[in-house]
Amino acid sequence: MIDFIIAASFLLNPLLAFVFSLNLCILIIRVSKDEYSKVKANIIWICISSVYIIFTLTWMFGNISIASS
């Protein structure tokens, strides 16, 4: 199962990095305009994107260090 997630991360990580960056820019713009009521979806997408990217990178580098030992 984890091998599938790591393989899928090669396609999903760049896409989720783009989603993360875009939502972060929108969040900054909305907060600077005092539109705090419209930021909930952006915060959720930023959290999902960052957690998935960090999770898959941790597993990839963890598997590399275990395999090289």
PDB file of N, CA and C in Angstrom:
ATOM      1  N   MET A   1       0.820  -1.198   0.000  1.00  0.00           N
ATOM      2  CA  MET A   1       0.000   0.000   0.000  1.00  0.00           C
ATOM      3  C   MET A   1       0.861   1.258   0.000  1.00  0.00           C
ATOM      4  N   ILE A   2       1.895   1.272   0.841  1.00  0.00           N
ATOM      5  CA  ILE A   2       2.739   2.464   0.906  1.00  0.00           C
ATOM      6  C   ILE A   2       3.518   2.643  -0.394  1.00  0.00           C
ATOM      7  N   ASP A   3       3.842   1.532  -1.075  1.00  0.00           N
ATOM      8  CA  ASP A   3       4.535   1.649  -2.355  1.00  0.00           C
ATOM      9  C   ASP A   3       3.658   2.343  -3.393  1.00  0.00           C
ATOM     10  N   PHE A   4       2.366   2.073  -3.351  1.00  0.00           N
ATOM     11  CA  PHE A   4       1.439   2.755  -4.264  1.00  0.00           C
ATOM     12  C   PHE A   4       1.382   4.254  -3.972  1.00  0.00           C
ATOM     13  N   ILE A   5       1.366   4.602  -2.684  1.00  0.00           N
ATOM     14  CA  ILE A   5       1.321   6.019  -2.308  1.00  0.00           C
ATOM     15  C   ILE A   5       2.588   6.725  -2.756  1.00  0.00           C
ATOM     16  N   ILE A   6       3.736   6.081  -2.596  1.00  0.00           N
ATOM     17  CA  ILE A   6       4.992   6.688  -3.032  1.00  0.00           C
ATOM     18  C   ILE A   6       5.017   6.824  -4.544  1.00  0.00           C
ATOM     19  N   ALA A   7       4.550   5.806  -5.269  1.00  0.00           N
ATOM     20  CA  ALA A   7       4.516   5.887  -6.732  1.00  0.00           C
ATOM     21  C   ALA A   7       3.554   6.982  -7.193  1.00  0.00           C
ATOM     22  N   ALA A   8       2.419   7.093  -6.545  1.00  0.00           N
ATOM     23  CA  ALA A   8       1.453   8.130  -6.911  1.00  0.00           C
ATOM     24  C   ALA A   8       1.968   9.512  -6.558  1.00  0.00           C
ATOM     25  N   SER A   9       2.862   9.588  -5.589  1.00  0.00           N
ATOM     26  CA  SER A   9       3.363  10.901  -5.176  1.00  0.00           C
ATOM     27  C   SER A   9       4.208  11.563  -6.252  1.00  0.00           C
ATOM     28  N   PHE A  10       4.786  10.777  -7.152  1.00  0.00           N
ATOM     29  CA  PHE A  10       5.559  11.373  -8.242  1.00  0.00           C
ATOM     30  C   PHE A  10       4.661  12.185  -9.163  1.00  0.00           C
ATOM     31  N   LEU A  11       3.396  11.828  -9.241  1.00  0.00           N
ATOM     32  CA  LEU A  11       2.445  12.598 -10.044  1.00  0.00           C
ATOM     33  C   LEU A  11       1.696  13.628  -9.207  1.00  0.00           C
ATOM     34  N   LEU A  12       1.370  13.266  -7.979  1.00  0.00           N
ATOM     35  CA  LEU A  12       0.544  14.142  -7.153  1.00  0.00           C
ATOM     36  C   LEU A  12       1.321  15.257  -6.451  1.00  0.00           C
ATOM     37  N   ASN A  13       2.579  15.024  -6.101  1.00  0.00           N
ATOM     38  CA  ASN A  13       3.333  16.051  -5.384  1.00  0.00           C
ATOM     39  C   ASN A  13       3.458  17.352  -6.164  1.00  0.00           C
ATOM     40  N   PRO A  14       3.816  17.328  -7.451  1.00  0.00           N
ATOM     41  CA  PRO A  14       3.862  18.606  -8.179  1.00  0.00           C
ATOM     42  C   PRO A  14       2.498  19.276  -8.276  1.00  0.00           C
ATOM     43  N   LEU A  15       1.463  18.494  -8.467  1.00  0.00           N
ATOM     44  CA  LEU A  15       0.114  19.047  -8.559  1.00  0.00           C
ATOM     45  C   LEU A  15      -0.308  19.665  -7.223  1.00  0.00           C
ATOM     46  N   LEU A  16      -0.076  18.956  -6.134  1.00  0.00           N
ATOM     47  CA  LEU A  16      -0.442  19.478  -4.820  1.00  0.00           C
ATOM     48  C   LEU A  16       0.452  20.642  -4.397  1.00  0.00           C
ATOM     49  N   ALA A  17       1.689  20.668  -4.868  1.00  0.00           N
ATOM     50  CA  ALA A  17       2.540  21.832  -4.602  1.00  0.00           C
ATOM     51  C   ALA A  17       1.984  23.066  -5.303  1.00  0.00           C
ATOM     52  N   PHE A  18       1.467  22.890  -6.516  1.00  0.00           N
ATOM     53  CA  PHE A  18       0.829  23.998  -7.229  1.00  0.00           C
ATOM     54  C   PHE A  18      -0.433  24.446  -6.496  1.00  0.00           C
ATOM     55  N   VAL A  19      -1.249  23.495  -6.051  1.00  0.00           N
ATOM     56  CA  VAL A  19      -2.464  23.818  -5.301  1.00  0.00           C
ATOM     57  C   VAL A  19      -2.104  24.543  -4.006  1.00  0.00           C
ATOM     58  N   PHE A  20      -1.070  24.078  -3.327  1.00  0.00           N
ATOM     59  CA  PHE A  20      -0.615  24.723  -2.099  1.00  0.00           C
ATOM     60  C   PHE A  20      -0.207  26.169  -2.358  1.00  0.00           C
ATOM     61  N   SER A  21       0.604  26.384  -3.380  1.00  0.00           N
ATOM     62  CA  SER A  21       1.089  27.734  -3.683  1.00  0.00           C
ATOM     63  C   SER A  21      -0.047  28.658  -4.088  1.00  0.00           C
ATOM     64  N   LEU A  22      -0.942  28.168  -4.923  1.00  0.00           N
ATOM     65  CA  LEU A  22      -2.057  28.982  -5.381  1.00  0.00           C
ATOM     66  C   LEU A  22      -2.984  29.360  -4.216  1.00  0.00           C
ATOM     67  N   ASN A  23      -3.295  28.401  -3.377  1.00  0.00           N
ATOM     68  CA  ASN A  23      -4.156  28.682  -2.225  1.00  0.00           C
ATOM     69  C   ASN A  23      -3.476  29.604  -1.220  1.00  0.00           C
ATOM     70  N   LEU A  24      -2.172  29.474  -1.070  1.00  0.00           N
ATOM     71  CA  LEU A  24      -1.463  30.364  -0.171  1.00  0.00           C
ATOM     72  C   LEU A  24      -1.506  31.807  -0.682  1.00  0.00           C
ATOM     73  N   CYS A  25      -1.340  31.995  -1.987  1.00  0.00           N
ATOM     74  CA  CYS A  25      -1.438  33.343  -2.564  1.00  0.00           C
ATOM     75  C   CYS A  25      -2.843  33.916  -2.396  1.00  0.00           C
ATOM     76  N   ILE A  26      -3.856  33.102  -2.652  1.00  0.00           N
ATOM     77  CA  ILE A  26      -5.242  33.564  -2.489  1.00  0.00           C
ATOM     78  C   ILE A  26      -5.522  33.901  -1.031  1.00  0.00           C
ATOM     79  N   LEU A  27      -5.001  33.080  -0.126  1.00  0.00           N
ATOM     80  CA  LEU A  27      -5.185  33.327   1.303  1.00  0.00           C
ATOM     81  C   LEU A  27      -4.552  34.654   1.713  1.00  0.00           C
ATOM     82  N   ILE A  28      -3.349  34.911   1.241  1.00  0.00           N
ATOM     83  CA  ILE A  28      -2.672  36.167   1.571  1.00  0.00           C
ATOM     84  C   ILE A  28      -3.449  37.361   1.031  1.00  0.00           C
ATOM     85  N   ILE A  29      -3.946  37.250  -0.191  1.00  0.00           N
ATOM     86  CA  ILE A  29      -4.722  38.345  -0.790  1.00  0.00           C
ATOM     87  C   ILE A  29      -6.001  38.596   0.000  1.00  0.00           C
ATOM     88  N   ARG A  30      -6.707  37.539   0.376  1.00  0.00           N
ATOM     89  CA  ARG A  30      -7.969  37.711   1.100  1.00  0.00           C
ATOM     90  C   ARG A  30      -7.753  38.275   2.499  1.00  0.00           C
ATOM     91  N   VAL A  31      -6.702  37.834   3.163  1.00  0.00           N
ATOM     92  CA  VAL A  31      -6.431  38.347   4.506  1.00  0.00           C
ATOM     93  C   VAL A  31      -6.021  39.813   4.427  1.00  0.00           C
ATOM     94  N   SER A  32      -5.266  40.167   3.402  1.00  0.00           N
ATOM     95  CA  SER A  32      -4.864  41.575   3.278  1.00  0.00           C
ATOM     96  C   SER A  32      -6.046  42.488   2.958  1.00  0.00           C
ATOM     97  N   LYS A  33      -7.109  41.917   2.376  1.00  0.00           N
ATOM     98  CA  LYS A  33      -8.329  42.694   2.094  1.00  0.00           C
ATOM     99  C   LYS A  33      -9.373  42.564   3.203  1.00  0.00           C
ATOM    100  N   ASP A  34      -9.010  41.932   4.319  1.00  0.00           N
ATOM    101  CA  ASP A  34      -9.909  41.709   5.462  1.00  0.00           C
ATOM    102  C   ASP A  34     -11.145  40.894   5.096  1.00  0.00           C
ATOM    103  N   GLU A  35     -10.979  39.884   4.246  1.00  0.00           N
ATOM    104  CA  GLU A  35     -12.073  38.976   3.879  1.00  0.00           C
ATOM    105  C   GLU A  35     -11.869  37.647   4.597  1.00  0.00           C
ATOM    106  N   TYR A  36     -11.942  37.685   5.904  1.00  0.00           N
ATOM    107  CA  TYR A  36     -11.645  36.499   6.704  1.00  0.00           C
ATOM    108  C   TYR A  36     -12.701  35.403   6.586  1.00  0.00           C
ATOM    109  N   SER A  37     -13.899  35.751   6.163  1.00  0.00           N
ATOM    110  CA  SER A  37     -14.960  34.756   6.089  1.00  0.00           C
ATOM    111  C   SER A  37     -14.804  33.813   4.899  1.00  0.00           C
ATOM    112  N   LYS A  38     -13.930  34.124   3.947  1.00  0.00           N
ATOM    113  CA  LYS A  38     -13.795  33.322   2.731  1.00  0.00           C
ATOM    114  C   LYS A  38     -12.514  32.483   2.698  1.00  0.00           C
ATOM    115  N   VAL A  39     -11.838  32.334   3.797  1.00  0.00           N
ATOM    116  CA  VAL A  39     -10.544  31.656   3.782  1.00  0.00           C
ATOM    117  C   VAL A  39     -10.593  30.196   4.246  1.00  0.00           C
ATOM    118  N   LYS A  40     -11.744  29.715   4.652  1.00  0.00           N
ATOM    119  CA  LYS A  40     -11.839  28.362   5.228  1.00  0.00           C
ATOM    120  C   LYS A  40     -11.412  27.284   4.224  1.00  0.00           C
ATOM    121  N   ALA A  41     -11.892  27.360   2.992  1.00  0.00           N
ATOM    122  CA  ALA A  41     -11.547  26.354   1.984  1.00  0.00           C
ATOM    123  C   ALA A  41     -10.063  26.395   1.638  1.00  0.00           C
ATOM    124  N   ASN A  42      -9.493  27.593   1.595  1.00  0.00           N
ATOM    125  CA  ASN A  42      -8.071  27.716   1.297  1.00  0.00           C
ATOM    126  C   ASN A  42      -7.213  27.078   2.379  1.00  0.00           C
ATOM    127  N   ILE A  43      -7.594  27.288   3.624  1.00  0.00           N
ATOM    128  CA  ILE A  43      -6.838  26.706   4.734  1.00  0.00           C
ATOM    129  C   ILE A  43      -6.922  25.184   4.697  1.00  0.00           C
ATOM    130  N   ILE A  44      -8.082  24.644   4.381  1.00  0.00           N
ATOM    131  CA  ILE A  44      -8.247  23.188   4.302  1.00  0.00           C
ATOM    132  C   ILE A  44      -7.378  22.607   3.198  1.00  0.00           C
ATOM    133  N   TRP A  45      -7.376  23.230   2.018  1.00  0.00           N
ATOM    134  CA  TRP A  45      -6.554  22.740   0.905  1.00  0.00           C
ATOM    135  C   TRP A  45      -5.067  22.866   1.200  1.00  0.00           C
ATOM    136  N   ILE A  46      -4.660  23.932   1.876  1.00  0.00           N
ATOM    137  CA  ILE A  46      -3.260  24.089   2.245  1.00  0.00           C
ATOM    138  C   ILE A  46      -2.845  22.979   3.210  1.00  0.00           C
ATOM    139  N   CYS A  47      -3.690  22.666   4.175  1.00  0.00           N
ATOM    140  CA  CYS A  47      -3.386  21.593   5.134  1.00  0.00           C
ATOM    141  C   CYS A  47      -3.290  20.236   4.456  1.00  0.00           C
ATOM    142  N   ILE A  48      -4.249  19.918   3.596  1.00  0.00           N
ATOM    143  CA  ILE A  48      -4.243  18.623   2.897  1.00  0.00           C
ATOM    144  C   ILE A  48      -3.008  18.500   2.017  1.00  0.00           C
ATOM    145  N   SER A  49      -2.704  19.528   1.264  1.00  0.00           N
ATOM    146  CA  SER A  49      -1.559  19.492   0.355  1.00  0.00           C
ATOM    147  C   SER A  49      -0.249  19.337   1.113  1.00  0.00           C
ATOM    148  N   SER A  50      -0.063  20.126   2.148  1.00  0.00           N
ATOM    149  CA  SER A  50       1.202  20.067   2.871  1.00  0.00           C
ATOM    150  C   SER A  50       1.378  18.742   3.613  1.00  0.00           C
ATOM    151  N   VAL A  51       0.319  18.228   4.197  1.00  0.00           N
ATOM    152  CA  VAL A  51       0.420  16.945   4.909  1.00  0.00           C
ATOM    153  C   VAL A  51       0.776  15.820   3.939  1.00  0.00           C
ATOM    154  N   TYR A  52       0.136  15.775   2.779  1.00  0.00           N
ATOM    155  CA  TYR A  52       0.431  14.707   1.809  1.00  0.00           C
ATOM    156  C   TYR A  52       1.857  14.827   1.289  1.00  0.00           C
ATOM    157  N   ILE A  53       2.288  16.035   0.958  1.00  0.00           N
ATOM    158  CA  ILE A  53       3.642  16.218   0.434  1.00  0.00           C
ATOM    159  C   ILE A  53       4.685  15.822   1.475  1.00  0.00           C
ATOM    160  N   ILE A  54       4.517  16.268   2.701  1.00  0.00           N
ATOM    161  CA  ILE A  54       5.476  15.935   3.761  1.00  0.00           C
ATOM    162  C   ILE A  54       5.455  14.443   4.064  1.00  0.00           C
ATOM    163  N   PHE A  55       4.265  13.832   4.096  1.00  0.00           N
ATOM    164  CA  PHE A  55       4.143  12.395   4.357  1.00  0.00           C
ATOM    165  C   PHE A  55       4.881  11.574   3.310  1.00  0.00           C
ATOM    166  N   THR A  56       4.659  11.875   2.034  1.00  0.00           N
ATOM    167  CA  THR A  56       5.295  11.075   0.986  1.00  0.00           C
ATOM    168  C   THR A  56       6.795  11.316   0.920  1.00  0.00           C
ATOM    169  N   LEU A  57       7.247  12.542   1.135  1.00  0.00           N
ATOM    170  CA  LEU A  57       8.686  12.792   1.133  1.00  0.00           C
ATOM    171  C   LEU A  57       9.375  12.100   2.303  1.00  0.00           C
ATOM    172  N   THR A  58       8.725  12.092   3.452  1.00  0.00           N
ATOM    173  CA  THR A  58       9.287  11.400   4.611  1.00  0.00           C
ATOM    174  C   THR A  58       9.415   9.905   4.349  1.00  0.00           C
ATOM    175  N   TRP A  59       8.404   9.301   3.763  1.00  0.00           N
ATOM    176  CA  TRP A  59       8.464   7.873   3.464  1.00  0.00           C
ATOM    177  C   TRP A  59       9.497   7.564   2.395  1.00  0.00           C
ATOM    178  N   MET A  60       9.607   8.433   1.370  1.00  0.00           N
ATOM    179  CA  MET A  60      10.601   8.186   0.322  1.00  0.00           C
ATOM    180  C   MET A  60      12.019   8.243   0.879  1.00  0.00           C
ATOM    181  N   PHE A  61      12.330   9.294   1.646  1.00  0.00           N
ATOM    182  CA  PHE A  61      13.684   9.416   2.198  1.00  0.00           C
ATOM    183  C   PHE A  61      13.926   8.403   3.300  1.00  0.00           C
ATOM    184  N   GLY A  62      12.895   8.010   4.017  1.00  0.00           N
ATOM    185  CA  GLY A  62      13.042   6.968   5.023  1.00  0.00           C
ATOM    186  C   GLY A  62      13.345   5.627   4.406  1.00  0.00           C
ATOM    187  N   ASN A  63      12.704   5.317   3.299  1.00  0.00           N
ATOM    188  CA  ASN A  63      12.963   4.052   2.614  1.00  0.00           C
ATOM    189  C   ASN A  63      14.334   4.041   1.968  1.00  0.00           C
ATOM    190  N   ILE A  64      14.809   5.164   1.494  1.00  0.00           N
ATOM    191  CA  ILE A  64      16.149   5.237   0.902  1.00  0.00           C
ATOM    192  C   ILE A  64      17.207   4.988   1.968  1.00  0.00           C
ATOM    193  N   SER A  65      17.059   5.593   3.137  1.00  0.00           N
ATOM    194  CA  SER A  65      18.068   5.418   4.182  1.00  0.00           C
ATOM    195  C   SER A  65      18.027   4.004   4.747  1.00  0.00           C
ATOM    196  N   ILE A  66      16.865   3.381   4.804  1.00  0.00           N
ATOM    197  CA  ILE A  66      16.773   1.996   5.290  1.00  0.00           C
ATOM    198  C   ILE A  66      17.395   1.043   4.277  1.00  0.00           C
ATOM    199  N   ALA A  67      17.129   1.275   2.988  1.00  0.00           N
ATOM    200  CA  ALA A  67      17.654   0.398   1.937  1.00  0.00           C
ATOM    201  C   ALA A  67      19.166   0.499   1.817  1.00  0.00           C
ATOM    202  N   SER A  68      19.748   1.658   2.087  1.00  0.00           N
ATOM    203  CA  SER A  68      21.187   1.825   1.956  1.00  0.00           C
ATOM    204  C   SER A  68      21.954   1.257   3.152  1.00  0.00           C
ATOM    205  N   SER A  69      21.240   0.957   4.241  1.00  0.00           N
ATOM    206  CA  SER A  69      21.913   0.432   5.439  1.00  0.00           C
ATOM    207  C   SER A  69      22.272  -1.014   5.297  1.00  0.00           C
TER     208      SER A  69
END
